[in-house]
Amino acid sequence: MKRIHALEWEDLRWFPASWRDFGTDYLKFVATKFKIYQPILPLMQKGLDKSFQKHWVDLASGGGSGLICLAKELKKDNPNLQITLTDFYPNIKAFEQLQGEVPNIFSFEKLSVDAANPPLHLQGKMQTIFGAFHHFRPQKAKQILQNAVNSNSTIAIFEPVGRNFGSWFSMLFVPLNVLIFALFIRPVRWNVLPFIYLIPLVPLYILWDGIASIIRTYSEAELREMVASLENSDTYEWEIGKTSGKMPIYYLLGYKK
């Protein structure tokens, strides 16, 4: 099946910010609760080692995804670890919560940051994108990778869904999960709850965006083709694949030779 850039509601500028922030909070809650990014710890450590520093910049952070678990584990072997959160639509409350839960690691950019052209002070470090690379059309996605090469930045991209049976099957439980987890997600967004329990538009939007995410994800072949088209691509090592298990994490890791 060829990648289709289907509509995702949260990408629309006019989409209610409170709904978008709840959606990213929900994804962060699920990623943290079920430690979905645990299998990528060796890849993250390798990326940090190849970047020759212990500061990574997370692009398109959303609500912070599953960074809490990763930060706690990586901190054990990297005591000077620093993580800077960024997003085109910064979820400031979620960023502040991450700072509180794991002190002295997280910082964040308050202003909008374009993942394809981050500010100069954020370039040259390890860059990560968790569960968001599919949001970018091929030209924009290529620009993100090209910027990493041009700025000598290590780049690590992870997608928890793909065009596979497990991802499609997981979508069946999304509306129920939203209804169950909503009251446990912090901060509680009281203005969103009526649209979860009385008029269930938010569970439906998250379901739709989840399905669209699956259709949008780049296959290994598409990623390899994209990497091959970059200028000076041969100056980098590129690792593209997926972790083992029933719900694999798809990844791309690029670092300077």
Protein backbone atom coordinates (compact mmCIF):
# COMPACT_ATOMS: atom_id res chain seq x y z
CA MET A 1 0.00 0.00 0.00
CA LYS A 2 1.39 3.38 -1.04
CA ARG A 3 1.57 6.19 1.52
CA ILE A 4 -1.43 8.56 1.45
CA HIS A 5 -1.25 11.98 3.11
CA ALA A 6 -4.72 11.78 4.66
CA LEU A 7 -6.26 14.64 6.64
CA GLU A 8 -5.33 14.89 10.32
CA TRP A 9 -7.44 17.35 12.26
CA GLU A 10 -4.68 18.44 14.62
CA ASP A 11 -2.61 19.71 11.67
CA LEU A 12 -5.20 22.37 10.84
CA ARG A 13 -4.39 25.86 12.10
CA TRP A 14 -8.01 26.58 13.05
CA PHE A 15 -8.43 23.36 15.03
CA PRO A 16 -9.20 24.10 18.72
CA ALA A 17 -5.90 24.29 20.62
CA SER A 18 -7.44 22.67 23.71
CA TRP A 19 -8.51 19.62 21.66
CA ARG A 20 -5.10 19.41 19.99
CA ASP A 21 -3.34 19.64 23.36
CA PHE A 22 -5.57 16.94 24.83
CA GLY A 23 -4.75 14.72 21.87
CA THR A 24 -1.01 15.10 22.45
CA ASP A 25 -1.55 14.64 26.22
CA TYR A 26 -3.40 11.38 25.48
CA LEU A 27 -0.57 10.09 23.27
CA LYS A 28 1.96 10.99 25.95
CA PHE A 29 -0.12 9.20 28.61
CA VAL A 30 -0.36 6.01 26.54
CA ALA A 31 3.31 6.08 25.57
CA THR A 32 4.35 6.54 29.20
CA LYS A 33 1.81 4.16 30.75
CA PHE A 34 2.72 1.28 28.46
CA LYS A 35 6.40 2.21 27.95
CA ILE A 36 6.02 1.77 24.21
CA TYR A 37 9.43 3.29 23.45
CA GLN A 38 11.36 0.97 25.79
CA PRO A 39 12.72 -1.12 22.86
CA ILE A 40 14.53 1.87 21.35
CA LEU A 41 16.79 2.60 24.34
CA PRO A 42 19.88 1.08 22.62
CA LEU A 43 19.20 3.18 19.52
CA MET A 44 18.86 6.33 21.61
CA GLN A 45 22.12 5.61 23.43
CA LYS A 46 23.85 4.99 20.12
CA GLY A 47 22.50 8.30 18.79
CA LEU A 48 23.79 10.17 21.83
CA ASP A 49 27.19 8.50 21.49
CA LYS A 50 27.41 9.36 17.78
CA SER A 51 26.48 12.98 18.46
CA PHE A 52 29.41 13.24 20.92
CA GLN A 53 27.28 15.17 23.42
CA LYS A 54 24.51 14.58 25.92
CA HIS A 55 22.04 17.21 24.72
CA TRP A 56 19.25 16.24 22.39
CA VAL A 57 16.59 18.40 20.78
CA ASP A 58 13.14 16.88 20.36
CA LEU A 59 11.32 18.23 17.31
CA ALA A 60 7.52 18.17 16.92
CA SER A 61 7.29 17.16 20.58
CA GLY A 62 3.51 17.35 20.94
CA GLY A 63 2.89 16.50 24.59
CA GLY A 64 6.34 14.96 25.09
CA SER A 65 5.32 11.50 23.91
CA GLY A 66 7.09 8.81 25.96
CA LEU A 67 10.13 10.87 26.85
CA ILE A 68 9.72 10.51 30.62
CA CYS A 69 10.59 6.80 30.60
CA LEU A 70 13.43 7.30 28.13
CA ALA A 71 14.85 10.24 30.09
CA LYS A 72 14.86 8.33 33.38
CA GLU A 73 16.59 5.30 31.85
CA LEU A 74 19.14 7.25 29.80
CA LYS A 75 19.97 9.52 32.74
CA LYS A 76 21.46 6.53 34.57
CA ASP A 77 24.35 6.26 32.10
CA ASN A 78 24.29 9.90 30.99
CA PRO A 79 24.22 12.04 34.15
CA ASN A 80 24.59 15.29 32.14
CA LEU A 81 21.64 14.51 29.88
CA GLN A 82 19.67 17.53 28.64
CA ILE A 83 16.50 17.47 26.51
CA THR A 84 15.00 20.50 24.76
CA LEU A 85 11.34 20.20 23.70
CA THR A 86 10.04 22.06 20.65
CA ASP A 87 6.90 22.12 18.54
CA PHE A 88 5.19 24.14 15.83
CA TYR A 89 2.22 24.35 18.23
CA PRO A 90 3.96 24.26 21.66
CA ASN A 91 1.95 22.48 24.39
CA ILE A 92 3.38 24.62 27.19
CA LYS A 93 1.39 22.97 30.02
CA ALA A 94 2.63 19.53 28.98
CA PHE A 95 6.21 20.80 28.71
CA GLU A 96 6.03 22.34 32.20
CA GLN A 97 4.65 19.08 33.57
CA LEU A 98 7.58 17.15 32.11
CA GLN A 99 9.97 19.57 33.78
CA GLY A 100 8.28 18.88 37.11
CA GLU A 101 8.25 15.10 36.76
CA VAL A 102 11.90 14.75 35.76
CA PRO A 103 13.78 17.76 37.20
CA ASN A 104 17.00 19.17 35.74
CA ILE A 105 16.66 17.44 32.36
CA PHE A 106 13.94 19.14 30.33
CA SER A 107 13.85 22.63 28.90
CA PHE A 108 11.61 23.91 26.13
CA GLU A 109 11.17 26.55 23.47
CA LYS A 110 8.09 28.72 24.08
CA LEU A 111 7.96 29.96 20.51
CA SER A 112 6.93 27.93 17.46
CA VAL A 113 9.77 25.85 16.00
CA ASP A 114 9.80 24.53 12.43
CA ALA A 115 11.21 21.00 12.49
CA ALA A 116 12.73 21.55 9.04
CA ASN A 117 14.56 24.69 10.12
CA PRO A 118 15.19 24.82 13.88
CA PRO A 119 17.01 27.86 15.33
CA LEU A 120 20.79 27.81 15.03
CA HIS A 121 21.29 27.25 18.77
CA LEU A 122 19.38 23.95 18.45
CA GLN A 123 21.34 22.65 15.47
CA GLY A 124 24.41 20.41 15.55
CA LYS A 125 22.99 18.33 18.40
CA MET A 126 21.10 15.06 18.39
CA GLN A 127 17.59 15.63 17.02
CA THR A 128 14.63 13.31 17.61
CA ILE A 129 11.09 13.02 16.28
CA PHE A 130 8.70 10.68 18.09
CA GLY A 131 5.46 9.64 16.40
CA ALA A 132 5.30 12.78 14.28
CA PHE A 133 7.39 12.28 11.12
CA HIS A 134 4.28 11.12 9.26
CA HIS A 135 2.79 14.61 9.72
CA PHE A 136 5.21 15.94 7.12
CA ARG A 137 4.67 15.61 3.39
CA PRO A 138 7.63 14.08 1.50
CA GLN A 139 9.20 17.41 0.53
CA LYS A 140 9.04 18.73 4.10
CA ALA A 141 10.22 15.39 5.53
CA LYS A 142 13.20 15.49 3.17
CA GLN A 143 13.97 19.05 4.32
CA ILE A 144 14.13 17.83 7.95
CA LEU A 145 16.66 15.15 7.02
CA GLN A 146 18.61 17.52 4.78
CA ASN A 147 18.84 20.09 7.57
CA ALA A 148 20.25 17.41 9.88
CA VAL A 149 22.93 16.55 7.31
CA ASN A 150 23.74 20.20 6.59
CA SER A 151 24.09 21.01 10.30
CA ASN A 152 26.01 17.80 11.16
CA SER A 153 23.20 16.78 13.52
CA THR A 154 22.47 13.19 14.49
CA ILE A 155 18.82 12.49 13.61
CA ALA A 156 16.62 9.78 15.16
CA ILE A 157 13.02 9.26 14.05
CA PHE A 158 10.59 6.81 15.65
CA GLU A 159 7.05 5.84 14.67
CA PRO A 160 4.96 3.59 16.97
CA VAL A 161 2.50 2.76 14.19
CA GLY A 162 2.94 1.46 10.68
CA ARG A 163 0.94 0.02 7.84
CA ASN A 164 0.54 -3.34 9.58
CA PHE A 165 -2.20 -5.44 11.18
CA GLY A 166 -1.20 -4.64 14.76
CA SER A 167 -1.56 -0.89 14.21
CA TRP A 168 -4.94 -1.27 12.51
CA PHE A 169 -6.18 -3.57 15.27
CA SER A 170 -5.11 -1.13 17.99
CA MET A 171 -7.38 1.54 16.49
CA LEU A 172 -10.44 -0.48 17.56
CA PHE A 173 -9.73 0.40 21.19
CA VAL A 174 -8.95 4.10 20.82
CA PRO A 175 -12.41 5.57 21.58
CA LEU A 176 -12.81 3.36 24.67
CA ASN A 177 -9.27 4.18 25.82
CA VAL A 178 -9.96 7.91 25.57
CA LEU A 179 -13.12 7.52 27.68
CA ILE A 180 -11.27 5.48 30.32
CA PHE A 181 -8.03 7.47 30.48
CA ALA A 182 -9.34 11.03 30.14
CA LEU A 183 -9.82 11.65 33.88
CA PHE A 184 -6.34 10.29 34.67
CA ILE A 185 -4.52 12.54 32.19
CA ARG A 186 -2.83 15.59 33.68
CA PRO A 187 -3.46 18.43 33.45
CA VAL A 188 -7.23 17.85 33.42
CA ARG A 189 -8.65 19.95 30.60
CA TRP A 190 -12.11 20.66 31.96
CA ASN A 191 -13.26 22.51 28.85
CA VAL A 192 -12.58 19.37 26.78
CA LEU A 193 -14.39 16.83 28.99
CA PRO A 194 -17.90 17.70 27.72
CA PHE A 195 -16.71 16.82 24.21
CA ILE A 196 -15.50 13.46 25.49
CA TYR A 197 -18.38 12.29 27.69
CA LEU A 198 -21.44 14.27 26.52
CA ILE A 199 -20.76 14.87 22.84
CA PRO A 200 -17.93 12.42 22.05
CA LEU A 201 -16.27 14.41 19.28
CA VAL A 202 -12.78 14.26 20.81
CA PRO A 203 -12.58 10.42 20.89
CA LEU A 204 -13.71 10.41 17.27
CA TYR A 205 -11.12 12.99 16.24
CA ILE A 206 -8.34 11.00 17.96
CA LEU A 207 -9.54 7.81 16.26
CA TRP A 208 -9.59 9.54 12.87
CA ASP A 209 -6.12 11.00 13.35
CA GLY A 210 -4.84 7.60 14.47
CA ILE A 211 -6.12 5.96 11.28
CA ALA A 212 -4.71 8.82 9.20
CA SER A 213 -1.35 8.39 10.95
CA ILE A 214 -1.18 4.75 9.86
CA ILE A 215 -1.93 5.65 6.25
CA ARG A 216 0.63 8.47 6.38
CA THR A 217 3.59 6.56 7.82
CA TYR A 218 6.61 6.10 5.59
CA SER A 219 7.64 2.55 4.76
CA GLU A 220 11.26 1.41 5.02
CA ALA A 221 11.53 1.53 1.22
CA GLU A 222 10.17 5.09 1.13
CA LEU A 223 12.60 6.20 3.83
CA ARG A 224 15.55 4.64 2.02
CA GLU A 225 14.53 6.35 -1.21
CA MET A 226 14.23 9.68 0.65
CA VAL A 227 17.64 9.30 2.28
CA ALA A 228 19.26 8.39 -1.03
CA SER A 229 17.97 11.63 -2.57
CA LEU A 230 19.66 13.88 0.03
CA GLU A 231 22.68 15.99 -0.80
CA ASN A 232 25.82 14.58 0.83
CA SER A 233 23.82 11.58 2.03
CA ASP A 234 26.93 9.43 1.65
CA THR A 235 28.65 11.36 4.47
CA TYR A 236 26.16 9.79 6.88
CA GLU A 237 25.44 6.31 8.14
CA TRP A 238 21.72 5.48 7.91
CA GLU A 239 20.01 2.75 9.91
CA ILE A 240 16.39 2.10 8.94
CA GLY A 241 14.26 -0.73 10.33
CA LYS A 242 11.91 -1.76 13.11
CA THR A 243 12.20 -3.25 16.57
CA SER A 244 10.99 -6.77 17.31
CA GLY A 245 7.70 -7.62 19.02
CA LYS A 246 3.97 -7.50 18.32
CA MET A 247 3.93 -3.70 18.20
CA PRO A 248 7.24 -2.75 16.60
CA ILE A 249 8.68 0.76 16.61
CA TYR A 250 9.77 1.87 13.15
CA TYR A 251 12.96 3.91 13.15
CA LEU A 252 15.48 5.89 11.17
CA LEU A 253 18.84 6.75 12.72
CA GLY A 254 21.31 8.91 10.84
CA TYR A 255 24.73 10.05 12.03
CA LYS A 256 27.87 11.45 10.47
CA LYS A 257 30.45 8.88 9.38
